[in-house]
C-alpha atoms as a PDB file:
ATOM      1  CA  GLU A   1      -0.235   0.136   0.122  1.00  0.00           C
ATOM      2  CA  ASN A   2       1.352   3.321  -1.355  1.00  0.00           C
ATOM      3  CA  PHE A   3       4.861   1.632  -1.617  1.00  0.00           C
ATOM      4  CA  ARG A   4       6.827   3.319  -4.423  1.00  0.00           C
ATOM      5  CA  GLN A   5       4.946   2.958  -7.560  1.00  0.00           C
ATOM      6  CA  TYR A   6       2.149   1.166  -5.841  1.00  0.00           C
ATOM      7  CA  TYR A   7       0.047   3.738  -4.837  1.00  0.00           C
ATOM      8  CA  ALA A   8      -3.434   2.752  -2.855  1.00  0.00           C
ATOM      9  CA  THR A   9      -3.439  -1.114  -1.877  1.00  0.00           C
ATOM     10  CA  GLN A  10      -2.287  -3.840  -3.965  1.00  0.00           C
ATOM     11  CA  ARG A  11      -2.428  -7.664  -3.686  1.00  0.00           C
ATOM     12  CA  LEU A  12      -0.509 -10.346  -5.486  1.00  0.00           C
ATOM     13  CA  LYS A  13      -0.978 -13.998  -4.486  1.00  0.00           C
ATOM     14  CA  PHE A  14       1.858 -16.412  -5.337  1.00  0.00           C
ATOM     15  CA  SER A  15       1.239 -19.914  -6.515  1.00  0.00           C
ATOM     16  CA  ARG A  16       0.798 -22.727  -4.306  1.00  0.00           C
ATOM     17  CA  ASP A  17       0.495 -25.564  -6.797  1.00  0.00           C
ATOM     18  CA  LYS A  18       2.598 -28.183  -6.384  1.00  0.00           C
ATOM     19  CA  LYS A  19       2.741 -29.081 -10.172  1.00  0.00           C
ATOM     20  CA  ARG A  20       2.680 -25.094 -11.125  1.00  0.00           C
ATOM     21  CA  SER A  21       4.259 -23.367  -8.203  1.00  0.00           C
ATOM     22  CA  VAL A  22       5.849 -20.678 -10.148  1.00  0.00           C
ATOM     23  CA  THR A  23       4.894 -17.187 -10.171  1.00  0.00           C
ATOM     24  CA  ILE A  24       5.863 -15.020 -12.768  1.00  0.00           C
ATOM     25  CA  VAL A  25       6.057 -11.088 -12.185  1.00  0.00           C
ATOM     26  CA  HIS A  26       6.222  -9.789 -15.676  1.00  0.00           C
ATOM     27  CA  GLY A  27       5.718  -5.723 -16.912  1.00  0.00           C
ATOM     28  CA  VAL A  28       7.963  -3.073 -18.869  1.00  0.00           C
ATOM     29  CA  ASN A  29      10.945  -1.134 -17.270  1.00  0.00           C
ATOM     30  CA  GLY A  30       9.437   1.592 -14.814  1.00  0.00           C
ATOM     31  CA  ALA A  31       6.340  -0.157 -13.696  1.00  0.00           C
ATOM     32  CA  GLY A  32       7.351  -1.706 -10.534  1.00  0.00           C
ATOM     33  CA  LYS A  33       9.132  -5.192 -11.338  1.00  0.00           C
ATOM     34  CA  THR A  34      12.039  -3.926  -9.043  1.00  0.00           C
ATOM     35  CA  SER A  35       9.769  -2.213  -6.603  1.00  0.00           C
ATOM     36  CA  PHE A  36       7.917  -5.581  -5.704  1.00  0.00           C
ATOM     37  CA  PHE A  37      11.384  -7.178  -4.885  1.00  0.00           C
ATOM     38  CA  MET A  38      12.477  -4.476  -2.835  1.00  0.00           C
ATOM     39  CA  ALA A  39       8.955  -4.524  -0.753  1.00  0.00           C
ATOM     40  CA  LEU A  40       9.877  -8.533  -0.165  1.00  0.00           C
ATOM     41  CA  ASN A  41      12.850  -7.471   1.471  1.00  0.00           C
ATOM     42  CA  TRP A  42      12.112  -4.221   3.225  1.00  0.00           C
ATOM     43  CA  CYS A  43       9.138  -6.073   4.424  1.00  0.00           C
ATOM     44  CA  LEU A  44      11.122  -8.903   6.250  1.00  0.00           C
ATOM     45  CA  TYR A  45      14.094  -7.479   7.387  1.00  0.00           C
ATOM     46  CA  GLY A  46      13.795  -3.714   6.847  1.00  0.00           C
ATOM     47  CA  ARG A  47      16.788  -3.871   3.743  1.00  0.00           C
ATOM     48  CA  GLY A  48      17.118  -2.774   0.565  1.00  0.00           C
ATOM     49  CA  ALA A  49      16.226   0.943   0.065  1.00  0.00           C
ATOM     50  CA  GLU A  50      19.050   3.049   1.016  1.00  0.00           C
ATOM     51  CA  ASN A  51      16.781   6.453   1.560  1.00  0.00           C
ATOM     52  CA  VAL A  52      13.776   5.288   3.078  1.00  0.00           C
ATOM     53  CA  GLY A  53      11.921   8.896   2.080  1.00  0.00           C
ATOM     54  CA  GLU A  54      11.936   7.444  -1.113  1.00  0.00           C
ATOM     55  CA  LEU A  55      10.116   4.149  -0.463  1.00  0.00           C
ATOM     56  CA  ILE A  56       6.355   6.209  -0.226  1.00  0.00           C
ATOM     57  CA  SER A  57       4.632   6.820  -3.156  1.00  0.00           C
ATOM     58  CA  LYS A  58       4.690  10.187  -4.647  1.00  0.00           C
ATOM     59  CA  GLU A  59       0.877  10.013  -6.132  1.00  0.00           C
ATOM     60  CA  ALA A  60      -0.016   9.151  -2.965  1.00  0.00           C
ATOM     61  CA  ILE A  61       2.006  12.707  -1.394  1.00  0.00           C
ATOM     62  CA  SER A  62       0.808  14.783  -4.165  1.00  0.00           C
ATOM     63  CA  ARG A  63      -2.992  13.556  -3.287  1.00  0.00           C
ATOM     64  CA  ALA A  64      -2.665  14.332   0.180  1.00  0.00           C
ATOM     65  CA  SER A  65      -3.802  17.085   1.646  1.00  0.00           C
ATOM     66  CA  VAL A  66      -1.369  19.653   3.731  1.00  0.00           C
ATOM     67  CA  GLY A  67      -0.684  18.335   7.533  1.00  0.00           C
ATOM     68  CA  GLU A  68      -2.057  14.399   6.287  1.00  0.00           C
ATOM     69  CA  ILE A  69      -0.181  11.580   7.474  1.00  0.00           C
ATOM     70  CA  VAL A  70       0.779   9.364   4.395  1.00  0.00           C
ATOM     71  CA  ARG A  71       1.672   5.695   4.904  1.00  0.00           C
ATOM     72  CA  ALA A  72       3.925   3.477   3.554  1.00  0.00           C
ATOM     73  CA  ARG A  73       2.913  -0.463   4.378  1.00  0.00           C
ATOM     74  CA  VAL A  74       3.908  -4.132   3.111  1.00  0.00           C
ATOM     75  CA  GLU A  75       2.217  -6.916   3.913  1.00  0.00           C
ATOM     76  CA  ILE A  76       3.068 -10.556   3.484  1.00  0.00           C
ATOM     77  CA  THR A  77       1.979 -13.950   4.611  1.00  0.00           C
ATOM     78  CA  PHE A  78       3.347 -16.966   4.131  1.00  0.00           C
ATOM     79  CA  GLN A  79       3.315 -20.327   5.734  1.00  0.00           C
ATOM     80  CA  HIS A  80       6.861 -21.865   7.447  1.00  0.00           C
ATOM     81  CA  GLU A  81       6.493 -25.509   8.594  1.00  0.00           C
ATOM     82  CA  GLY A  82       2.899 -26.152   8.431  1.00  0.00           C
ATOM     83  CA  VAL A  83       2.515 -22.948  10.834  1.00  0.00           C
ATOM     84  CA  THR A  84       0.944 -19.946   8.773  1.00  0.00           C
ATOM     85  CA  PHE A  85       3.015 -16.229   9.682  1.00  0.00           C
ATOM     86  CA  LEU A  86       1.596 -12.776   8.452  1.00  0.00           C
ATOM     87  CA  VAL A  87       4.344 -10.117   8.720  1.00  0.00           C
ATOM     88  CA  LYS A  88       4.015  -6.231   7.964  1.00  0.00           C
ATOM     89  CA  ARG A  89       6.325  -3.116   8.256  1.00  0.00           C
ATOM     90  CA  SER A  90       4.824   0.759   8.188  1.00  0.00           C
ATOM     91  CA  LEU A  91       6.573   3.739   7.320  1.00  0.00           C
ATOM     92  CA  SER A  92       4.697   7.290   8.103  1.00  0.00           C
ATOM     93  CA  GLY A  93       4.963  11.024   6.662  1.00  0.00           C
ATOM     94  CA  LYS A  94       3.563  14.255   7.109  1.00  0.00           C
ATOM     95  CA  LYS A  95       2.826  16.155   4.358  1.00  0.00           C
ATOM     96  CA  GLY A  96       3.804  19.964   4.332  1.00  0.00           C
ATOM     97  CA  SER A  97       3.035  23.174   2.763  1.00  0.00           C
ATOM     98  CA  ALA A  98       3.416  23.309  -1.011  1.00  0.00           C
ATOM     99  CA  ASP A  99       6.872  24.601  -0.791  1.00  0.00           C
ATOM    100  CA  GLU A 100       8.025  22.679   2.389  1.00  0.00           C
ATOM    101  CA  SER A 101       9.247  18.904   1.414  1.00  0.00           C
ATOM    102  CA  PHE A 102       7.951  15.670   2.505  1.00  0.00           C
ATOM    103  CA  GLY A 103       8.833  15.181   6.345  1.00  0.00           C
ATOM    104  CA  VAL A 104       9.256  10.983   7.000  1.00  0.00           C
ATOM    105  CA  ASP A 105       9.002   9.892  10.532  1.00  0.00           C
ATOM    106  CA  THR A 106      12.421   7.559  10.075  1.00  0.00           C
ATOM    107  CA  LYS A 107      11.877   6.573  13.634  1.00  0.00           C
ATOM    108  CA  ASP A 108       8.258   5.238  12.586  1.00  0.00           C
ATOM    109  CA  ASP A 109       9.203   1.277  12.036  1.00  0.00           C
ATOM    110  CA  GLY A 110       5.878  -0.516  12.571  1.00  0.00           C
ATOM    111  CA  PHE A 111       7.531  -4.056  12.215  1.00  0.00           C
ATOM    112  CA  VAL A 112       4.766  -6.654  13.310  1.00  0.00           C
ATOM    113  CA  MET A 113       4.788 -10.457  13.199  1.00  0.00           C
ATOM    114  CA  MET A 114       1.798 -12.698  13.479  1.00  0.00           C
ATOM    115  CA  ARG A 115       1.010 -16.381  14.448  1.00  0.00           C
ATOM    116  CA  ILE A 116      -1.947 -17.192  12.449  1.00  0.00           C
ATOM    117  CA  ASP A 117      -3.939 -20.366  13.813  1.00  0.00           C
ATOM    118  CA  SER A 118      -6.026 -23.074  12.522  1.00  0.00           C
ATOM    119  CA  ASN A 119      -9.046 -20.580  13.466  1.00  0.00           C
ATOM    120  CA  GLY A 120      -8.220 -17.959  11.964  1.00  0.00           C
ATOM    121  CA  GLU A 121      -7.188 -16.234  15.349  1.00  0.00           C
ATOM    122  CA  ALA A 122      -3.733 -13.763  14.868  1.00  0.00           C
ATOM    123  CA  LYS A 123      -1.945 -13.707  17.948  1.00  0.00           C
ATOM    124  CA  GLU A 124       1.081 -11.187  17.729  1.00  0.00           C
ATOM    125  CA  ILE A 125       4.757 -11.922  18.445  1.00  0.00           C
ATOM    126  CA  LYS A 126       6.598 -10.686  20.923  1.00  0.00           C
ATOM    127  CA  ASN A 127      10.269 -10.569  19.228  1.00  0.00           C
ATOM    128  CA  PRO A 128       9.645 -10.421  15.721  1.00  0.00           C
ATOM    129  CA  THR A 129      12.736  -9.789  14.143  1.00  0.00           C
ATOM    130  CA  GLY A 130      14.144 -12.780  16.312  1.00  0.00           C
ATOM    131  CA  MET A 131      11.513 -15.094  15.464  1.00  0.00           C
ATOM    132  CA  MET A 132      12.241 -14.234  11.562  1.00  0.00           C
ATOM    133  CA  ASN A 133      15.660 -14.819  12.012  1.00  0.00           C
ATOM    134  CA  SER A 134      14.781 -18.541  13.131  1.00  0.00           C
ATOM    135  CA  ILE A 135      12.661 -18.846   9.895  1.00  0.00           C
ATOM    136  CA  LEU A 136      15.303 -17.837   7.837  1.00  0.00           C
ATOM    137  CA  PRO A 137      18.296 -15.707   9.081  1.00  0.00           C
ATOM    138  CA  GLU A 138      19.106 -12.108   7.506  1.00  0.00           C
ATOM    139  CA  ASN A 139      22.728 -13.040   6.638  1.00  0.00           C
ATOM    140  CA  VAL A 140      21.295 -15.499   4.371  1.00  0.00           C
ATOM    141  CA  ARG A 141      18.463 -13.749   3.073  1.00  0.00           C
ATOM    142  CA  SER A 142      20.279 -12.994  -0.141  1.00  0.00           C
ATOM    143  CA  TYR A 143      20.603 -16.904  -1.076  1.00  0.00           C
ATOM    144  CA  PHE A 144      16.963 -16.864  -1.599  1.00  0.00           C
ATOM    145  CA  LEU A 145      15.795 -12.850  -1.944  1.00  0.00           C
ATOM    146  CA  PHE A 146      18.275 -12.209  -4.986  1.00  0.00           C
ATOM    147  CA  ASP A 147      18.200 -10.659  -8.806  1.00  0.00           C
ATOM    148  CA  GLY A 148      18.552 -13.296 -11.406  1.00  0.00           C
ATOM    149  CA  GLU A 149      21.921 -11.368 -11.971  1.00  0.00           C
ATOM    150  CA  LYS A 150      23.252 -12.887  -8.914  1.00  0.00           C
ATOM    151  CA  ILE A 151      23.316 -16.822 -10.046  1.00  0.00           C
ATOM    152  CA  ASP A 152      26.076 -15.979 -12.168  1.00  0.00           C
ATOM    153  CA  ASP A 153      28.102 -14.777  -8.675  1.00  0.00           C
ATOM    154  CA  PHE A 154      26.513 -17.861  -6.817  1.00  0.00           C
ATOM    155  CA  ALA A 155      28.154 -20.013  -9.434  1.00  0.00           C
ATOM    156  CA  LYS A 156      32.030 -18.981  -9.363  1.00  0.00           C
ATOM    157  CA  PRO A 157      34.259 -20.722  -7.621  1.00  0.00           C
ATOM    158  CA  GLU A 158      35.341 -18.440  -5.161  1.00  0.00           C
ATOM    159  CA  ALA A 159      31.834 -17.550  -3.825  1.00  0.00           C
ATOM    160  CA  ALA A 160      31.894 -21.917  -2.688  1.00  0.00           C
ATOM    161  CA  SER A 161      33.144 -21.053   1.155  1.00  0.00           C
ATOM    162  CA  GLU A 162      30.176 -18.061   1.070  1.00  0.00           C
ATOM    163  CA  VAL A 163      27.637 -20.958  -0.186  1.00  0.00           C
ATOM    164  CA  LYS A 164      28.522 -23.441   2.788  1.00  0.00           C
ATOM    165  CA  SER A 165      28.796 -20.920   5.208  1.00  0.00           C
ATOM    166  CA  ALA A 166      25.073 -19.518   4.398  1.00  0.00           C
ATOM    167  CA  ILE A 167      23.924 -23.464   4.202  1.00  0.00           C
ATOM    168  CA  ARG A 168      25.145 -24.270   7.470  1.00  0.00           C
ATOM    169  CA  LEU A 169      23.397 -20.966   8.778  1.00  0.00           C
ATOM    170  CA  VAL A 170      20.652 -22.240   7.306  1.00  0.00           C
ATOM    171  CA  LEU A 171      20.559 -25.444   8.934  1.00  0.00           C
ATOM    172  CA  LYS A 172      21.909 -23.958  12.316  1.00  0.00           C
ATOM    173  CA  LEU A 173      25.567 -26.255  12.255  1.00  0.00           C
ATOM    174  CA  GLU A 174      27.128 -22.939  13.673  1.00  0.00           C
ATOM    175  CA  VAL A 175      25.137 -23.899  16.800  1.00  0.00           C
ATOM    176  CA  LEU A 176      26.131 -27.372  17.384  1.00  0.00           C
ATOM    177  CA  ASP A 177      29.612 -26.469  16.370  1.00  0.00           C
ATOM    178  CA  ARG A 178      29.394 -24.556  18.619  1.00  0.00           C
ATOM    179  CA  ALA A 179      28.701 -26.675  21.515  1.00  0.00           C
ATOM    180  CA  ARG A 180      30.941 -29.023  20.197  1.00  0.00           C
ATOM    181  CA  ARG A 181      33.886 -26.454  20.559  1.00  0.00           C
ATOM    182  CA  HIS A 182      32.692 -25.589  24.033  1.00  0.00           C
ATOM    183  CA  LEU A 183      32.672 -28.893  25.317  1.00  0.00           C
ATOM    184  CA  GLU A 184      35.714 -30.003  23.503  1.00  0.00           C
ATOM    185  CA  ASN A 185      37.724 -26.646  25.841  1.00  0.00           C
ATOM    186  CA  ALA A 186      35.580 -27.680  28.617  1.00  0.00           C
ATOM    187  CA  ALA A 187      37.285 -31.446  28.528  1.00  0.00           C
ATOM    188  CA  GLY A 188      40.586 -30.451  28.096  1.00  0.00           C
ATOM    189  CA  GLU A 189      40.512 -27.973  31.010  1.00  0.00           C
ATOM    190  CA  PHE A 190      39.172 -30.926  33.049  1.00  0.00           C
ATOM    191  CA  ARG A 191      42.479 -33.245  31.691  1.00  0.00           C
ATOM    192  CA  LYS A 192      44.309 -30.608  32.624  1.00  0.00           C
ATOM    193  CA  GLN A 193      42.977 -30.982  36.495  1.00  0.00           C
ATOM    194  CA  LEU A 194      43.582 -34.876  36.393  1.00  0.00           C
ATOM    195  CA  LYS A 195      47.193 -33.565  35.154  1.00  0.00           C
ATOM    196  CA  THR A 196      47.676 -32.307  37.907  1.00  0.00           C
ATOM    197  CA  ILE A 197      46.720 -34.456  40.777  1.00  0.00           C
ATOM    198  CA  SER A 198      47.519 -37.606  39.182  1.00  0.00           C
ATOM    199  CA  SER A 199      50.629 -39.369  39.285  1.00  0.00           C
ATOM    200  CA  GLY A 200      52.566 -42.216  38.200  1.00  0.00           C
ATOM    201  CA  ASP A 201      51.441 -44.314  34.664  1.00  0.00           C
ATOM    202  CA  LEU A 202      47.675 -42.640  35.265  1.00  0.00           C
ATOM    203  CA  LYS A 203      49.786 -38.780  34.495  1.00  0.00           C
ATOM    204  CA  GLU A 204      51.835 -40.708  31.626  1.00  0.00           C
ATOM    205  CA  LEU A 205      48.879 -41.607  29.765  1.00  0.00           C
ATOM    206  CA  TYR A 206      46.884 -38.244  30.135  1.00  0.00           C
ATOM    207  CA  GLU A 207      50.217 -37.007  28.897  1.00  0.00           C
ATOM    208  CA  ASP A 208      50.221 -39.441  25.910  1.00  0.00           C
ATOM    209  CA  PHE A 209      46.839 -38.647  25.487  1.00  0.00           C
ATOM    210  CA  ASP A 210      47.316 -34.738  24.858  1.00  0.00           C
ATOM    211  CA  LYS A 211      50.102 -35.318  22.697  1.00  0.00           C
ATOM    212  CA  ALA A 212      47.610 -37.333  20.575  1.00  0.00           C
ATOM    213  CA  HIS A 213      45.025 -35.060  20.525  1.00  0.00           C
ATOM    214  CA  ASP A 214      47.630 -32.462  19.196  1.00  0.00           C
ATOM    215  CA  GLU A 215      48.721 -34.583  16.515  1.00  0.00           C
ATOM    216  CA  LEU A 216      45.045 -35.632  15.126  1.00  0.00           C
ATOM    217  CA  LYS A 217      44.034 -31.804  15.348  1.00  0.00           C
ATOM    218  CA  ASN A 218      46.911 -30.955  13.141  1.00  0.00           C
ATOM    219  CA  LEU A 219      46.223 -33.757  10.971  1.00  0.00           C
ATOM    220  CA  LYS A 220      42.512 -32.530  10.456  1.00  0.00           C
ATOM    221  CA  GLU A 221      43.647 -29.172   9.621  1.00  0.00           C
ATOM    222  CA  LYS A 222      45.658 -30.483   6.919  1.00  0.00           C
ATOM    223  CA  LEU A 223      43.186 -32.511   5.411  1.00  0.00           C
ATOM    224  CA  GLU A 224      40.800 -29.537   5.373  1.00  0.00           C
ATOM    225  CA  LYS A 225      43.514 -27.363   3.749  1.00  0.00           C
ATOM    226  CA  ASN A 226      44.282 -30.265   0.999  1.00  0.00           C
ATOM    227  CA  LYS A 227      40.603 -30.629   0.495  1.00  0.00           C
ATOM    228  CA  THR A 228      40.343 -27.338  -0.809  1.00  0.00           C
ATOM    229  CA  GLU A 229      43.141 -27.323  -2.536  1.00  0.00           C
ATOM    230  CA  ARG A 230      42.090 -30.095  -3.882  1.00  0.00           C
ATOM    231  CA  GLY A 231      38.717 -28.364  -4.892  1.00  0.00           C
ATOM    232  CA  LYS A 232      40.168 -25.612  -6.667  1.00  0.00           C
ATOM    233  CA  ALA A 233      42.206 -27.769  -8.995  1.00  0.00           C
ATOM    234  CA  LYS A 234      39.009 -29.619 -10.278  1.00  0.00           C
ATOM    235  CA  ARG A 235      37.561 -26.771 -10.690  1.00  0.00           C
ATOM    236  CA  HIS A 236      40.429 -25.130 -12.922  1.00  0.00           C
ATOM    237  CA  THR A 237      40.820 -28.373 -15.099  1.00  0.00           C
END
């Protein structure tokens, strides 16, 4: 509603047919394709626009009376893991006199997220940004919401590590890795304490274990390095 070229309220329904699941938005240059793409990013993450003052429809501003509040709003309904969510973000500004600029309230970041149950009742989520990031983290949104030209960037060899990192974030593997590292550190500290109070054969066993552990760590690092170099070599052959 009143978002860039989209004056007043406009609606678009995406296909949910399993056999025909692609929705194409077609239009001539300037019709609003890029603005529609921007609306998705802005609604979900507050990103995609360098100047928020340009988001409010110029036509809506021109039709408004002096002193009238004009609001731009984007609302998205989607399903995730069988649960229906509704998110909306709004921005407002006040029209001044004929020779005054339109003043946008940049603090008016009205981001709201609702969970809709099977009865159609909506319940507001207290931490909408946290919930949105748990569904699709902001730092990987560019792999889901991007223009077609970026596909070439994803296919480049140097993008492999970046794509791998994004996949790990989506699958929440980073959390498991952190937990594993914390446990390893705790185990290491525990072994140090045991070694200080141990003697004889037991102390020698702990020392041998630490040496073997360090050697194994170095071998794993070398293996990962060799895998990376081998992958680069394959892509260049």
